Amino acid sequence: MMYNLLKGKKGIIFGALDSKSIAWKVAERAHEEGATFVLTNAPVAMRFGTISELAEKTGSQVIPADATSLEDLENLVEKSVEILGGKIDFVLHSIGMSVNVRKGNHYTEQDYNYTKTGFDVSALSFHRVMSVLYKKDAMNEWGSIVALSYMAAQRVFPDYNDMADNKAYLESIARSFGYFFGRDKNVRVNTISQSPTPTTAGNGVKGFDGFIAYAEKMSPLGNATALECADYTISMFSDLTKKVTLQNLYHDGGFSNMGVSDAIMGNFMETFESEKGE
């Protein structure tokens, strides 16, 4: 269903890799809701993805940018304002990567150079993006900046590894920079803590199928899909949420407030009884 929620709005969407990406779904929905935007991803990621298809589908231009490079981000923001014909109304930061996870390094046995790289890409890049937007006064009043997070920022998911630390820092940046963006520019900054979602990036985490199955059984509404996350993100870009800022917003079917569900307890008791009987 279309509501024209973003009619006339202009944006930048980071991180659309392929059709599984939440950022990809956000771009499709933003287009349907009347927005125009620039798509961007790291040059190396673009070689593995199919972002050109998304650009064609949504009538968007793609500007490659490494989110760890201030020079790239300055070029991205300047060109986006030029292409879109004015200041930006919304930005999606959907970037995350752990080299330790990719290399199979346990959390207690990190390669700290890999840790720094993952932190730079996944979290510090959000500060960098906002710093460029802020200094260039590139956001319209009542604009909206959203970054995607995960609940491992608050709770222990052992195999999520150093990405948990990255997400915790990401959420802190949203609050801290969000204060200044709100005070000085009337721009809101939030993070969305999404259900585990089978994206290309998510599937790199060991045991991710287990995360998804467990969350599905724990959540009273079940897991939120990538498309449902896109819908929520669109609402955060719209004028309907003008006074929501500095929040980490759980979009997880209720998982974040659960202690245990009947389904999980039932499974546990079955296992417990069978082990007891051995």
Protein backbone atom coordinates (compact mmCIF):
# COMPACT_ATOMS: atom_id res chain seq x y z
CA MET A 1 0.00 0.00 0.00
CA MET A 2 1.31 3.47 -0.92
CA TYR A 3 0.78 6.58 1.19
CA ASN A 4 3.01 9.21 -0.51
CA LEU A 5 4.80 9.58 2.82
CA LEU A 6 8.03 10.79 1.21
CA LYS A 7 6.63 12.81 -1.69
CA GLY A 8 9.19 15.45 -2.67
CA LYS A 9 11.80 14.24 -0.16
CA LYS A 10 15.44 13.66 -1.08
CA GLY A 11 17.85 11.22 0.49
CA ILE A 12 21.03 9.16 0.56
CA ILE A 13 20.88 5.41 1.12
CA PHE A 14 24.06 3.61 2.20
CA GLY A 15 24.59 -0.12 1.99
CA ALA A 16 22.25 -1.63 -0.62
CA LEU A 17 24.18 -4.69 -1.78
CA ASP A 18 21.56 -7.05 -3.23
CA SER A 19 17.84 -7.73 -3.04
CA LYS A 20 18.23 -9.34 0.42
CA SER A 21 19.60 -6.10 1.90
CA ILE A 22 17.39 -4.06 4.19
CA ALA A 23 18.82 -0.96 2.48
CA TRP A 24 17.65 -2.35 -0.87
CA LYS A 25 14.10 -2.76 0.48
CA VAL A 26 14.23 0.76 1.98
CA ALA A 27 15.22 2.14 -1.43
CA GLU A 28 12.34 0.34 -3.15
CA ARG A 29 9.85 1.58 -0.56
CA ALA A 30 11.23 5.13 -0.57
CA HIS A 31 10.82 5.20 -4.35
CA GLU A 32 7.25 3.93 -4.04
CA GLU A 33 6.51 6.61 -1.44
CA GLY A 34 7.64 9.39 -3.78
CA ALA A 35 11.24 10.05 -2.73
CA THR A 36 14.27 10.66 -4.91
CA PHE A 37 17.67 9.59 -3.62
CA VAL A 38 21.26 8.72 -4.31
CA LEU A 39 22.51 5.18 -3.68
CA THR A 40 26.00 4.58 -2.34
CA ASN A 41 28.22 1.73 -1.27
CA ALA A 42 31.93 1.04 -0.98
CA PRO A 43 33.56 0.43 -4.38
CA VAL A 44 34.68 -3.06 -3.26
CA ALA A 45 31.13 -3.98 -2.13
CA MET A 46 29.67 -2.74 -5.40
CA ARG A 47 31.69 -5.31 -7.31
CA PHE A 48 29.95 -8.12 -5.41
CA GLY A 49 26.43 -6.70 -5.47
CA THR A 50 23.84 -5.69 -8.02
CA ILE A 51 23.25 -2.06 -7.03
CA SER A 52 23.03 -0.92 -10.67
CA GLU A 53 19.78 -2.91 -11.03
CA LEU A 54 18.32 -1.06 -8.04
CA ALA A 55 19.44 2.28 -9.45
CA GLU A 56 17.70 1.56 -12.74
CA LYS A 57 14.54 0.36 -11.00
CA THR A 58 14.30 3.46 -8.79
CA GLY A 59 15.65 6.04 -11.24
CA SER A 60 18.59 6.75 -8.94
CA GLN A 61 22.22 7.57 -9.45
CA VAL A 62 24.97 5.60 -7.72
CA ILE A 63 27.95 7.39 -6.17
CA PRO A 64 30.63 5.00 -4.88
CA ALA A 65 31.98 6.06 -1.48
CA ASP A 66 34.15 4.41 1.13
CA ALA A 67 32.50 5.37 4.42
CA THR A 68 35.91 5.32 6.13
CA SER A 69 37.11 8.13 3.83
CA LEU A 70 36.19 11.75 4.67
CA GLU A 71 37.15 12.76 1.14
CA ASP A 72 34.77 10.21 -0.37
CA LEU A 73 31.94 11.27 1.95
CA GLU A 74 32.44 14.97 1.23
CA ASN A 75 32.29 14.22 -2.50
CA LEU A 76 29.18 12.05 -1.94
CA VAL A 77 27.29 14.75 -0.03
CA GLU A 78 28.26 17.55 -2.43
CA LYS A 79 27.27 15.53 -5.50
CA SER A 80 24.05 14.28 -3.89
CA VAL A 81 22.88 17.84 -3.13
CA GLU A 82 23.74 18.77 -6.72
CA ILE A 83 22.01 15.74 -8.30
CA LEU A 84 18.92 15.97 -6.10
CA GLY A 85 18.62 19.74 -6.47
CA GLY A 86 18.69 20.67 -2.82
CA LYS A 87 19.39 19.64 0.73
CA ILE A 88 18.86 16.13 2.07
CA ASP A 89 15.74 15.02 3.98
CA PHE A 90 16.76 11.50 4.97
CA VAL A 91 19.82 9.28 5.28
CA LEU A 92 20.03 5.53 5.91
CA HIS A 93 23.27 4.11 7.34
CA SER A 94 23.14 0.36 6.70
CA ILE A 95 26.81 -0.57 6.96
CA GLY A 96 28.37 -3.32 9.05
CA MET A 97 31.30 -5.65 8.74
CA SER A 98 33.54 -7.73 11.01
CA VAL A 99 36.78 -9.13 9.64
CA ASN A 100 37.14 -11.24 12.79
CA VAL A 101 33.79 -12.89 12.03
CA ARG A 102 34.79 -13.48 8.41
CA LYS A 103 38.10 -15.00 9.46
CA GLY A 104 36.52 -17.18 12.15
CA ASN A 105 38.37 -15.54 15.05
CA HIS A 106 36.71 -16.15 18.42
CA TYR A 107 35.74 -13.04 20.43
CA THR A 108 38.45 -13.85 23.01
CA GLU A 109 41.08 -14.26 20.27
CA GLN A 110 40.64 -11.17 18.13
CA ASP A 111 43.11 -9.82 15.66
CA TYR A 112 43.00 -6.20 16.83
CA ASN A 113 43.87 -4.80 13.42
CA TYR A 114 40.75 -6.59 12.14
CA THR A 115 38.84 -5.24 15.15
CA LYS A 116 39.85 -1.67 14.28
CA THR A 117 38.81 -2.16 10.66
CA GLY A 118 35.39 -3.51 11.63
CA PHE A 119 34.88 -0.71 14.15
CA ASP A 120 35.86 1.90 11.57
CA VAL A 121 33.49 0.52 8.92
CA SER A 122 30.56 -0.39 11.17
CA ALA A 123 30.44 2.40 13.75
CA LEU A 124 32.90 5.24 13.28
CA SER A 125 31.62 5.62 9.72
CA PHE A 126 28.29 6.79 11.18
CA HIS A 127 30.02 9.63 13.03
CA ARG A 128 31.93 10.48 9.87
CA VAL A 129 28.76 10.57 7.73
CA MET A 130 26.97 12.82 10.20
CA SER A 131 29.99 15.07 10.64
CA VAL A 132 30.12 15.77 6.90
CA LEU A 133 26.35 16.39 6.72
CA TYR A 134 26.51 18.64 9.78
CA LYS A 135 29.51 20.73 8.71
CA LYS A 136 28.19 21.18 5.18
CA ASP A 137 24.71 22.06 6.51
CA ALA A 138 23.43 19.53 3.99
CA MET A 139 20.28 18.39 5.87
CA ASN A 140 16.90 20.08 5.66
CA GLU A 141 15.16 21.03 8.89
CA TRP A 142 13.18 18.10 10.31
CA GLY A 143 15.30 15.70 8.31
CA SER A 144 15.84 12.16 9.58
CA ILE A 145 18.99 10.05 9.90
CA VAL A 146 18.62 6.34 10.70
CA ALA A 147 21.23 3.64 11.29
CA LEU A 148 20.49 -0.07 11.55
CA SER A 149 21.50 -1.89 14.73
CA TYR A 150 20.96 -5.20 16.48
CA MET A 151 20.12 -6.20 20.03
CA ALA A 152 23.58 -7.70 20.63
CA ALA A 153 24.46 -4.10 21.54
CA GLN A 154 22.61 -4.69 24.83
CA ARG A 155 22.65 -8.46 25.38
CA VAL A 156 25.14 -11.27 24.91
CA PHE A 157 24.97 -13.22 21.65
CA PRO A 158 28.33 -15.04 21.79
CA ASP A 159 28.80 -15.66 18.08
CA TYR A 160 27.94 -12.07 17.11
CA ASN A 161 31.52 -11.37 18.17
CA ASP A 162 32.95 -7.85 17.95
CA MET A 163 29.96 -6.70 15.87
CA ALA A 164 28.14 -6.43 19.24
CA ASP A 165 30.68 -3.82 20.38
CA ASN A 166 30.39 -2.01 17.04
CA LYS A 167 26.61 -1.80 17.36
CA ALA A 168 26.84 -0.52 20.95
CA TYR A 169 29.15 2.26 19.78
CA LEU A 170 26.91 2.99 16.80
CA GLU A 171 23.93 3.52 19.09
CA SER A 172 25.97 5.79 21.37
CA ILE A 173 27.03 7.92 18.39
CA ALA A 174 23.37 8.26 17.37
CA ARG A 175 22.52 9.69 20.79
CA SER A 176 25.57 11.93 21.14
CA PHE A 177 25.61 13.36 17.61
CA GLY A 178 21.83 13.35 17.57
CA TYR A 179 21.81 15.88 20.40
CA PHE A 180 23.87 18.39 18.42
CA PHE A 181 22.00 17.70 15.16
CA GLY A 182 18.70 18.25 16.94
CA ARG A 183 19.78 21.34 18.86
CA ASP A 184 21.48 23.07 15.95
CA LYS A 185 19.65 21.86 12.84
CA ASN A 186 16.29 20.38 13.94
CA VAL A 187 17.39 17.05 12.48
CA ARG A 188 16.53 13.77 14.20
CA VAL A 189 18.86 10.80 14.60
CA ASN A 190 17.78 7.28 15.59
CA THR A 191 18.83 3.66 15.36
CA ILE A 192 16.52 0.75 14.54
CA SER A 193 17.33 -2.52 16.31
CA GLN A 194 15.99 -5.07 13.86
CA SER A 195 15.18 -8.77 14.28
CA PRO A 196 17.91 -11.08 12.99
CA THR A 197 17.37 -10.90 9.23
CA PRO A 198 18.77 -13.29 6.59
CA THR A 199 20.78 -10.72 4.62
CA THR A 200 24.10 -11.41 2.89
CA ALA A 201 25.94 -9.68 5.76
CA GLY A 202 23.94 -11.42 8.50
CA ASN A 203 24.53 -14.85 7.04
CA GLY A 204 28.26 -14.40 7.67
CA VAL A 205 27.70 -14.73 11.42
CA LYS A 206 28.26 -18.24 12.81
CA GLY A 207 25.03 -19.88 13.94
CA PHE A 208 22.86 -17.19 12.36
CA ASP A 209 20.15 -19.70 11.43
CA GLY A 210 19.90 -20.49 15.14
CA PHE A 211 19.56 -16.77 16.00
CA ILE A 212 16.67 -16.49 13.55
CA ALA A 213 14.87 -19.64 14.69
CA TYR A 214 15.26 -18.78 18.39
CA ALA A 215 14.04 -15.18 17.91
CA GLU A 216 11.06 -16.42 15.90
CA LYS A 217 9.98 -18.71 18.74
CA MET A 218 10.65 -16.08 21.40
CA SER A 219 8.85 -13.14 19.76
CA PRO A 220 5.05 -12.91 20.20
CA LEU A 221 4.71 -11.41 16.71
CA GLY A 222 7.54 -13.40 15.15
CA ASN A 223 10.59 -11.90 13.46
CA ALA A 224 10.31 -8.71 11.47
CA THR A 225 11.28 -9.17 7.82
CA ALA A 226 13.59 -6.91 5.80
CA LEU A 227 10.55 -5.44 4.03
CA GLU A 228 8.81 -4.75 7.34
CA CYS A 229 11.97 -3.04 8.57
CA ALA A 230 11.92 -0.93 5.41
CA ASP A 231 8.33 0.11 6.16
CA TYR A 232 9.32 1.14 9.69
CA THR A 233 12.31 3.06 8.35
CA ILE A 234 10.06 4.92 5.89
CA SER A 235 7.86 5.99 8.80
CA MET A 236 10.98 7.33 10.53
CA PHE A 237 11.89 9.32 7.41
CA SER A 238 8.38 10.75 7.15
CA ASP A 239 6.94 13.87 8.77
CA LEU A 240 4.84 11.64 11.04
CA THR A 241 7.80 11.10 13.41
CA LYS A 242 9.20 14.64 13.61
CA LYS A 243 9.81 14.60 17.36
CA VAL A 244 11.36 11.14 17.64
CA THR A 245 15.11 11.43 18.18
CA LEU A 246 18.02 9.95 20.18
CA GLN A 247 16.15 6.62 20.32
CA ASN A 248 17.17 3.05 19.77
CA LEU A 249 13.90 1.67 18.41
CA TYR A 250 13.31 -2.07 18.68
CA HIS A 251 11.70 -3.56 15.61
CA ASP A 252 11.75 -7.19 16.57
CA GLY A 253 8.24 -8.59 17.08
CA GLY A 254 8.52 -8.00 20.83
CA PHE A 255 11.71 -10.06 21.35
CA SER A 256 13.46 -7.30 23.32
CA ASN A 257 10.92 -7.40 26.16
CA MET A 258 10.67 -11.17 26.45
CA GLY A 259 12.20 -13.27 29.20
CA VAL A 260 11.03 -16.61 27.86
CA SER A 261 8.17 -17.80 25.66
CA ASP A 262 5.97 -20.88 25.96
CA ALA A 263 7.50 -22.27 22.76
CA ILE A 264 11.08 -21.91 24.00
CA MET A 265 10.20 -23.28 27.46
CA GLY A 266 8.36 -26.21 25.87
CA ASN A 267 11.40 -27.11 23.77
CA PHE A 268 13.70 -26.76 26.76
CA MET A 269 11.54 -29.00 28.96
CA GLU A 270 11.34 -31.69 26.26
CA THR A 271 15.14 -31.73 26.06
CA PHE A 272 15.47 -31.59 29.84
CA GLU A 273 13.07 -34.52 30.37
CA SER A 274 14.72 -36.66 27.69
CA GLU A 275 18.19 -36.00 29.18
CA LYS A 276 16.90 -36.75 32.67
CA GLY A 277 15.51 -40.07 31.45
CA GLU A 278 18.80 -41.22 29.92
